[in-house]
Amino acid sequence: MTDKKKLKLLTLSQPQRATLEGLSNRRPQLPTDPIRDELVALGLVVKQGPKWALTPTGKKVLAAGSNRRNAGGFSV
């Protein structure tokens, strides 16, 4: 079960990833955001008062995605 859940969390769409990165960088958030609601349903984001914060799972997913993206080992 854990592997299945982890696999699902690591395959985020580009808008979901952008929203997750935006939340981690404390960018201002709109009051209604369907993509953010999807992330809440996945358990990656939680509301803390007027602000939104990443859950530990959300931080892991974001870190795993950035590691995968930078895994090429060469830069321009």
PDB file of N, CA and C in Angstrom:
ATOM      1  N   MET A   1       0.822  -1.194   0.000  1.00  0.00           N
ATOM      2  CA  MET A   1       0.000   0.000   0.000  1.00  0.00           C
ATOM      3  C   MET A   1       0.867   1.260   0.000  1.00  0.00           C
ATOM      4  N   THR A   2       1.888   1.283   0.801  1.00  0.00           N
ATOM      5  CA  THR A   2       2.754   2.463   0.888  1.00  0.00           C
ATOM      6  C   THR A   2       3.406   2.755  -0.453  1.00  0.00           C
ATOM      7  N   ASP A   3       3.878   1.700  -1.139  1.00  0.00           N
ATOM      8  CA  ASP A   3       4.518   1.903  -2.431  1.00  0.00           C
ATOM      9  C   ASP A   3       3.539   2.487  -3.436  1.00  0.00           C
ATOM     10  N   LYS A   4       2.321   2.001  -3.414  1.00  0.00           N
ATOM     11  CA  LYS A   4       1.312   2.492  -4.345  1.00  0.00           C
ATOM     12  C   LYS A   4       1.020   3.965  -4.079  1.00  0.00           C
ATOM     13  N   LYS A   5       0.883   4.316  -2.817  1.00  0.00           N
ATOM     14  CA  LYS A   5       0.597   5.694  -2.441  1.00  0.00           C
ATOM     15  C   LYS A   5       1.771   6.596  -2.832  1.00  0.00           C
ATOM     16  N   LYS A   6       2.982   6.153  -2.558  1.00  0.00           N
ATOM     17  CA  LYS A   6       4.169   6.927  -2.877  1.00  0.00           C
ATOM     18  C   LYS A   6       4.265   7.163  -4.381  1.00  0.00           C
ATOM     19  N   LEU A   7       3.967   6.126  -5.168  1.00  0.00           N
ATOM     20  CA  LEU A   7       4.030   6.231  -6.612  1.00  0.00           C
ATOM     21  C   LEU A   7       3.039   7.286  -7.110  1.00  0.00           C
ATOM     22  N   LYS A   8       1.845   7.276  -6.536  1.00  0.00           N
ATOM     23  CA  LYS A   8       0.825   8.235  -6.927  1.00  0.00           C
ATOM     24  C   LYS A   8       1.254   9.662  -6.582  1.00  0.00           C
ATOM     25  N   LEU A   9       1.863   9.842  -5.423  1.00  0.00           N
ATOM     26  CA  LEU A   9       2.248  11.176  -4.991  1.00  0.00           C
ATOM     27  C   LEU A   9       3.374  11.753  -5.852  1.00  0.00           C
ATOM     28  N   LEU A  10       4.243  10.894  -6.350  1.00  0.00           N
ATOM     29  CA  LEU A  10       5.380  11.392  -7.115  1.00  0.00           C
ATOM     30  C   LEU A  10       5.027  11.793  -8.534  1.00  0.00           C
ATOM     31  N   THR A  11       3.844  11.394  -9.011  1.00  0.00           N
ATOM     32  CA  THR A  11       3.459  11.767 -10.364  1.00  0.00           C
ATOM     33  C   THR A  11       2.468  12.926 -10.304  1.00  0.00           C
ATOM     34  N   LEU A  12       2.977  14.110 -10.014  1.00  0.00           N
ATOM     35  CA  LEU A  12       2.143  15.306  -9.983  1.00  0.00           C
ATOM     36  C   LEU A  12       2.131  15.953 -11.359  1.00  0.00           C
ATOM     37  N   SER A  13       1.020  16.566 -11.705  1.00  0.00           N
ATOM     38  CA  SER A  13       0.965  17.323 -12.952  1.00  0.00           C
ATOM     39  C   SER A  13       1.749  18.627 -12.781  1.00  0.00           C
ATOM     40  N   GLN A  14       2.058  19.263 -13.887  1.00  0.00           N
ATOM     41  CA  GLN A  14       2.843  20.506 -13.814  1.00  0.00           C
ATOM     42  C   GLN A  14       2.135  21.598 -12.998  1.00  0.00           C
ATOM     43  N   PRO A  15       0.816  21.820 -13.190  1.00  0.00           N
ATOM     44  CA  PRO A  15       0.151  22.828 -12.340  1.00  0.00           C
ATOM     45  C   PRO A  15       0.194  22.477 -10.854  1.00  0.00           C
ATOM     46  N   GLN A  16       0.061  21.160 -10.540  1.00  0.00           N
ATOM     47  CA  GLN A  16       0.128  20.752  -9.133  1.00  0.00           C
ATOM     48  C   GLN A  16       1.516  21.019  -8.579  1.00  0.00           C
ATOM     49  N   ARG A  17       2.550  20.696  -9.350  1.00  0.00           N
ATOM     50  CA  ARG A  17       3.928  20.913  -8.902  1.00  0.00           C
ATOM     51  C   ARG A  17       4.181  22.404  -8.705  1.00  0.00           C
ATOM     52  N   ALA A  18       3.711  23.228  -9.644  1.00  0.00           N
ATOM     53  CA  ALA A  18       3.900  24.685  -9.531  1.00  0.00           C
ATOM     54  C   ALA A  18       3.203  25.221  -8.284  1.00  0.00           C
ATOM     55  N   THR A  19       2.007  24.714  -8.017  1.00  0.00           N
ATOM     56  CA  THR A  19       1.278  25.150  -6.822  1.00  0.00           C
ATOM     57  C   THR A  19       2.010  24.723  -5.558  1.00  0.00           C
ATOM     58  N   LEU A  20       2.506  23.492  -5.562  1.00  0.00           N
ATOM     59  CA  LEU A  20       3.241  22.988  -4.401  1.00  0.00           C
ATOM     60  C   LEU A  20       4.506  23.816  -4.164  1.00  0.00           C
ATOM     61  N   GLU A  21       5.222  24.126  -5.243  1.00  0.00           N
ATOM     62  CA  GLU A  21       6.429  24.960  -5.115  1.00  0.00           C
ATOM     63  C   GLU A  21       6.065  26.363  -4.658  1.00  0.00           C
ATOM     64  N   GLY A  22       4.950  26.894  -5.167  1.00  0.00           N
ATOM     65  CA  GLY A  22       4.502  28.220  -4.756  1.00  0.00           C
ATOM     66  C   GLY A  22       4.171  28.274  -3.278  1.00  0.00           C
ATOM     67  N   LEU A  23       3.511  27.216  -2.787  1.00  0.00           N
ATOM     68  CA  LEU A  23       3.177  27.168  -1.362  1.00  0.00           C
ATOM     69  C   LEU A  23       4.436  27.057  -0.508  1.00  0.00           C
ATOM     70  N   SER A  24       5.421  26.300  -1.003  1.00  0.00           N
ATOM     71  CA  SER A  24       6.649  26.143  -0.216  1.00  0.00           C
ATOM     72  C   SER A  24       7.437  27.446  -0.176  1.00  0.00           C
ATOM     73  N   ASN A  25       7.279  28.283  -1.212  1.00  0.00           N
ATOM     74  CA  ASN A  25       7.977  29.568  -1.259  1.00  0.00           C
ATOM     75  C   ASN A  25       7.157  30.701  -0.659  1.00  0.00           C
ATOM     76  N   ARG A  26       6.011  30.347  -0.063  1.00  0.00           N
ATOM     77  CA  ARG A  26       5.135  31.331   0.605  1.00  0.00           C
ATOM     78  C   ARG A  26       4.639  32.419  -0.353  1.00  0.00           C
ATOM     79  N   ARG A  27       4.374  32.038  -1.605  1.00  0.00           N
ATOM     80  CA  ARG A  27       3.767  33.011  -2.522  1.00  0.00           C
ATOM     81  C   ARG A  27       2.335  33.264  -2.089  1.00  0.00           C
ATOM     82  N   PRO A  28       1.806  34.461  -2.391  1.00  0.00           N
ATOM     83  CA  PRO A  28       0.411  34.725  -1.996  1.00  0.00           C
ATOM     84  C   PRO A  28      -0.540  33.769  -2.708  1.00  0.00           C
ATOM     85  N   GLN A  29      -1.564  33.331  -1.993  1.00  0.00           N
ATOM     86  CA  GLN A  29      -2.494  32.334  -2.531  1.00  0.00           C
ATOM     87  C   GLN A  29      -3.873  32.937  -2.744  1.00  0.00           C
ATOM     88  N   LEU A  30      -4.536  32.477  -3.805  1.00  0.00           N
ATOM     89  CA  LEU A  30      -5.912  32.898  -4.058  1.00  0.00           C
ATOM     90  C   LEU A  30      -6.842  32.197  -3.059  1.00  0.00           C
ATOM     91  N   PRO A  31      -7.977  32.840  -2.730  1.00  0.00           N
ATOM     92  CA  PRO A  31      -8.896  32.198  -1.785  1.00  0.00           C
ATOM     93  C   PRO A  31      -9.450  30.879  -2.323  1.00  0.00           C
ATOM     94  N   THR A  32      -9.702  30.801  -3.625  1.00  0.00           N
ATOM     95  CA  THR A  32     -10.179  29.554  -4.216  1.00  0.00           C
ATOM     96  C   THR A  32      -9.180  29.089  -5.257  1.00  0.00           C
ATOM     97  N   ASP A  33      -8.740  27.869  -5.128  1.00  0.00           N
ATOM     98  CA  ASP A  33      -7.761  27.304  -6.052  1.00  0.00           C
ATOM     99  C   ASP A  33      -8.030  25.797  -6.167  1.00  0.00           C
ATOM    100  N   PRO A  34      -8.607  25.356  -7.296  1.00  0.00           N
ATOM    101  CA  PRO A  34      -8.960  23.936  -7.422  1.00  0.00           C
ATOM    102  C   PRO A  34      -7.739  23.015  -7.383  1.00  0.00           C
ATOM    103  N   ILE A  35      -6.609  23.491  -7.886  1.00  0.00           N
ATOM    104  CA  ILE A  35      -5.393  22.666  -7.881  1.00  0.00           C
ATOM    105  C   ILE A  35      -4.908  22.483  -6.447  1.00  0.00           C
ATOM    106  N   ARG A  36      -4.942  23.557  -5.669  1.00  0.00           N
ATOM    107  CA  ARG A  36      -4.543  23.456  -4.264  1.00  0.00           C
ATOM    108  C   ARG A  36      -5.490  22.516  -3.511  1.00  0.00           C
ATOM    109  N   ASP A  37      -6.779  22.559  -3.865  1.00  0.00           N
ATOM    110  CA  ASP A  37      -7.741  21.652  -3.244  1.00  0.00           C
ATOM    111  C   ASP A  37      -7.387  20.193  -3.543  1.00  0.00           C
ATOM    112  N   GLU A  38      -6.882  19.918  -4.773  1.00  0.00           N
ATOM    113  CA  GLU A  38      -6.434  18.565  -5.111  1.00  0.00           C
ATOM    114  C   GLU A  38      -5.255  18.161  -4.219  1.00  0.00           C
ATOM    115  N   LEU A  39      -4.334  19.091  -3.995  1.00  0.00           N
ATOM    116  CA  LEU A  39      -3.171  18.806  -3.150  1.00  0.00           C
ATOM    117  C   LEU A  39      -3.604  18.556  -1.705  1.00  0.00           C
ATOM    118  N   VAL A  40      -4.627  19.278  -1.249  1.00  0.00           N
ATOM    119  CA  VAL A  40      -5.164  19.054   0.097  1.00  0.00           C
ATOM    120  C   VAL A  40      -5.749  17.648   0.179  1.00  0.00           C
ATOM    121  N   ALA A  41      -6.474  17.249  -0.872  1.00  0.00           N
ATOM    122  CA  ALA A  41      -7.081  15.911  -0.900  1.00  0.00           C
ATOM    123  C   ALA A  41      -6.004  14.824  -0.883  1.00  0.00           C
ATOM    124  N   LEU A  42      -4.855  15.099  -1.509  1.00  0.00           N
ATOM    125  CA  LEU A  42      -3.749  14.139  -1.505  1.00  0.00           C
ATOM    126  C   LEU A  42      -2.988  14.137  -0.180  1.00  0.00           C
ATOM    127  N   GLY A  43      -3.255  15.146   0.664  1.00  0.00           N
ATOM    128  CA  GLY A  43      -2.580  15.217   1.955  1.00  0.00           C
ATOM    129  C   GLY A  43      -1.203  15.851   1.868  1.00  0.00           C
ATOM    130  N   LEU A  44      -0.954  16.649   0.818  1.00  0.00           N
ATOM    131  CA  LEU A  44       0.347  17.293   0.659  1.00  0.00           C
ATOM    132  C   LEU A  44       0.375  18.696   1.258  1.00  0.00           C
ATOM    133  N   VAL A  45      -0.798  19.288   1.427  1.00  0.00           N
ATOM    134  CA  VAL A  45      -0.898  20.678   1.875  1.00  0.00           C
ATOM    135  C   VAL A  45      -1.943  20.755   2.979  1.00  0.00           C
ATOM    136  N   VAL A  46      -1.716  21.653   3.929  1.00  0.00           N
ATOM    137  CA  VAL A  46      -2.680  21.842   5.013  1.00  0.00           C
ATOM    138  C   VAL A  46      -2.823  23.341   5.290  1.00  0.00           C
ATOM    139  N   LYS A  47      -4.013  23.752   5.673  1.00  0.00           N
ATOM    140  CA  LYS A  47      -4.242  25.170   5.976  1.00  0.00           C
ATOM    141  C   LYS A  47      -3.884  25.440   7.427  1.00  0.00           C
ATOM    142  N   GLN A  48      -3.059  26.463   7.644  1.00  0.00           N
ATOM    143  CA  GLN A  48      -2.694  26.870   9.003  1.00  0.00           C
ATOM    144  C   GLN A  48      -3.091  28.326   9.175  1.00  0.00           C
ATOM    145  N   GLY A  49      -4.269  28.534   9.753  1.00  0.00           N
ATOM    146  CA  GLY A  49      -4.782  29.897   9.885  1.00  0.00           C
ATOM    147  C   GLY A  49      -5.041  30.479   8.508  1.00  0.00           C
ATOM    148  N   PRO A  50      -4.576  31.703   8.255  1.00  0.00           N
ATOM    149  CA  PRO A  50      -4.797  32.307   6.938  1.00  0.00           C
ATOM    150  C   PRO A  50      -3.822  31.806   5.873  1.00  0.00           C
ATOM    151  N   LYS A  51      -2.791  31.089   6.271  1.00  0.00           N
ATOM    152  CA  LYS A  51      -1.766  30.634   5.327  1.00  0.00           C
ATOM    153  C   LYS A  51      -1.866  29.140   5.072  1.00  0.00           C
ATOM    154  N   TRP A  52      -1.143  28.716   4.025  1.00  0.00           N
ATOM    155  CA  TRP A  52      -1.084  27.301   3.676  1.00  0.00           C
ATOM    156  C   TRP A  52       0.327  26.805   3.902  1.00  0.00           C
ATOM    157  N   ALA A  53       0.453  25.560   4.313  1.00  0.00           N
ATOM    158  CA  ALA A  53       1.774  24.992   4.571  1.00  0.00           C
ATOM    159  C   ALA A  53       1.835  23.577   4.016  1.00  0.00           C
ATOM    160  N   LEU A  54       3.059  23.150   3.687  1.00  0.00           N
ATOM    161  CA  LEU A  54       3.252  21.789   3.214  1.00  0.00           C
ATOM    162  C   LEU A  54       3.287  20.828   4.388  1.00  0.00           C
ATOM    163  N   THR A  55       2.696  19.664   4.216  1.00  0.00           N
ATOM    164  CA  THR A  55       2.807  18.603   5.214  1.00  0.00           C
ATOM    165  C   THR A  55       4.168  17.939   5.014  1.00  0.00           C
ATOM    166  N   PRO A  56       4.626  17.137   5.976  1.00  0.00           N
ATOM    167  CA  PRO A  56       5.897  16.418   5.773  1.00  0.00           C
ATOM    168  C   PRO A  56       5.895  15.593   4.486  1.00  0.00           C
ATOM    169  N   THR A  57       4.747  15.004   4.149  1.00  0.00           N
ATOM    170  CA  THR A  57       4.644  14.240   2.906  1.00  0.00           C
ATOM    171  C   THR A  57       4.840  15.156   1.703  1.00  0.00           C
ATOM    172  N   GLY A  58       4.220  16.338   1.746  1.00  0.00           N
ATOM    173  CA  GLY A  58       4.358  17.289   0.648  1.00  0.00           C
ATOM    174  C   GLY A  58       5.796  17.725   0.459  1.00  0.00           C
ATOM    175  N   LYS A  59       6.509  17.923   1.564  1.00  0.00           N
ATOM    176  CA  LYS A  59       7.919  18.313   1.474  1.00  0.00           C
ATOM    177  C   LYS A  59       8.754  17.204   0.841  1.00  0.00           C
ATOM    178  N   LYS A  60       8.434  15.947   1.202  1.00  0.00           N
ATOM    179  CA  LYS A  60       9.161  14.815   0.628  1.00  0.00           C
ATOM    180  C   LYS A  60       8.917  14.719  -0.867  1.00  0.00           C
ATOM    181  N   VAL A  61       7.661  14.894  -1.283  1.00  0.00           N
ATOM    182  CA  VAL A  61       7.318  14.806  -2.705  1.00  0.00           C
ATOM    183  C   VAL A  61       8.027  15.908  -3.487  1.00  0.00           C
ATOM    184  N   LEU A  62       8.027  17.112  -2.925  1.00  0.00           N
ATOM    185  CA  LEU A  62       8.677  18.234  -3.599  1.00  0.00           C
ATOM    186  C   LEU A  62      10.181  17.994  -3.712  1.00  0.00           C
ATOM    187  N   ALA A  63      10.793  17.493  -2.636  1.00  0.00           N
ATOM    188  CA  ALA A  63      12.231  17.213  -2.653  1.00  0.00           C
ATOM    189  C   ALA A  63      12.553  16.088  -3.630  1.00  0.00           C
ATOM    190  N   ALA A  64      11.731  15.059  -3.655  1.00  0.00           N
ATOM    191  CA  ALA A  64      11.973  13.936  -4.565  1.00  0.00           C
ATOM    192  C   ALA A  64      11.887  14.396  -6.011  1.00  0.00           C
ATOM    193  N   GLY A  65      10.945  15.267  -6.303  1.00  0.00           N
ATOM    194  CA  GLY A  65      10.797  15.771  -7.670  1.00  0.00           C
ATOM    195  C   GLY A  65      11.986  16.601  -8.101  1.00  0.00           C
ATOM    196  N   SER A  66      12.485  17.445  -7.214  1.00  0.00           N
ATOM    197  CA  SER A  66      13.619  18.295  -7.577  1.00  0.00           C
ATOM    198  C   SER A  66      14.889  17.459  -7.720  1.00  0.00           C
ATOM    199  N   ASN A  67      15.019  16.408  -6.891  1.00  0.00           N
ATOM    200  CA  ASN A  67      16.182  15.526  -7.027  1.00  0.00           C
ATOM    201  C   ASN A  67      16.157  14.803  -8.357  1.00  0.00           C
ATOM    202  N   ARG A  68      14.970  14.354  -8.742  1.00  0.00           N
ATOM    203  CA  ARG A  68      14.841  13.639 -10.008  1.00  0.00           C
ATOM    204  C   ARG A  68      15.162  14.564 -11.188  1.00  0.00           C
ATOM    205  N   ARG A  69      14.717  15.811 -11.073  1.00  0.00           N
ATOM    206  CA  ARG A  69      14.925  16.763 -12.158  1.00  0.00           C
ATOM    207  C   ARG A  69      16.417  17.114 -12.288  1.00  0.00           C
ATOM    208  N   ASN A  70      17.122  17.163 -11.182  1.00  0.00           N
ATOM    209  CA  ASN A  70      18.544  17.555 -11.209  1.00  0.00           C
ATOM    210  C   ASN A  70      19.490  16.354 -11.296  1.00  0.00           C
ATOM    211  N   ALA A  71      18.941  15.168 -11.512  1.00  0.00           N
ATOM    212  CA  ALA A  71      19.752  13.960 -11.475  1.00  0.00           C
ATOM    213  C   ALA A  71      20.603  13.780 -12.731  1.00  0.00           C
ATOM    214  N   GLY A  72      20.475  14.671 -13.712  1.00  0.00           N
ATOM    215  CA  GLY A  72      21.227  14.533 -14.963  1.00  0.00           C
ATOM    216  C   GLY A  72      22.731  14.616 -14.742  1.00  0.00           C
ATOM    217  N   GLY A  73      23.154  15.426 -13.810  1.00  0.00           N
ATOM    218  CA  GLY A  73      24.566  15.498 -13.476  1.00  0.00           C
ATOM    219  C   GLY A  73      25.363  16.456 -14.340  1.00  0.00           C
ATOM    220  N   PHE A  74      24.699  17.201 -15.213  1.00  0.00           N
ATOM    221  CA  PHE A  74      25.439  18.200 -15.996  1.00  0.00           C
ATOM    222  C   PHE A  74      24.586  19.455 -16.128  1.00  0.00           C
ATOM    223  N   SER A  75      25.230  20.587 -16.213  1.00  0.00           N
ATOM    224  CA  SER A  75      24.532  21.848 -16.335  1.00  0.00           C
ATOM    225  C   SER A  75      25.080  22.629 -17.517  1.00  0.00           C
ATOM    226  N   VAL A  76      24.312  23.583 -17.976  1.00  0.00           N
ATOM    227  CA  VAL A  76      24.720  24.360 -19.151  1.00  0.00           C
ATOM    228  C   VAL A  76      25.478  25.600 -18.714  1.00  0.00           C
TER     229      VAL A  76
END
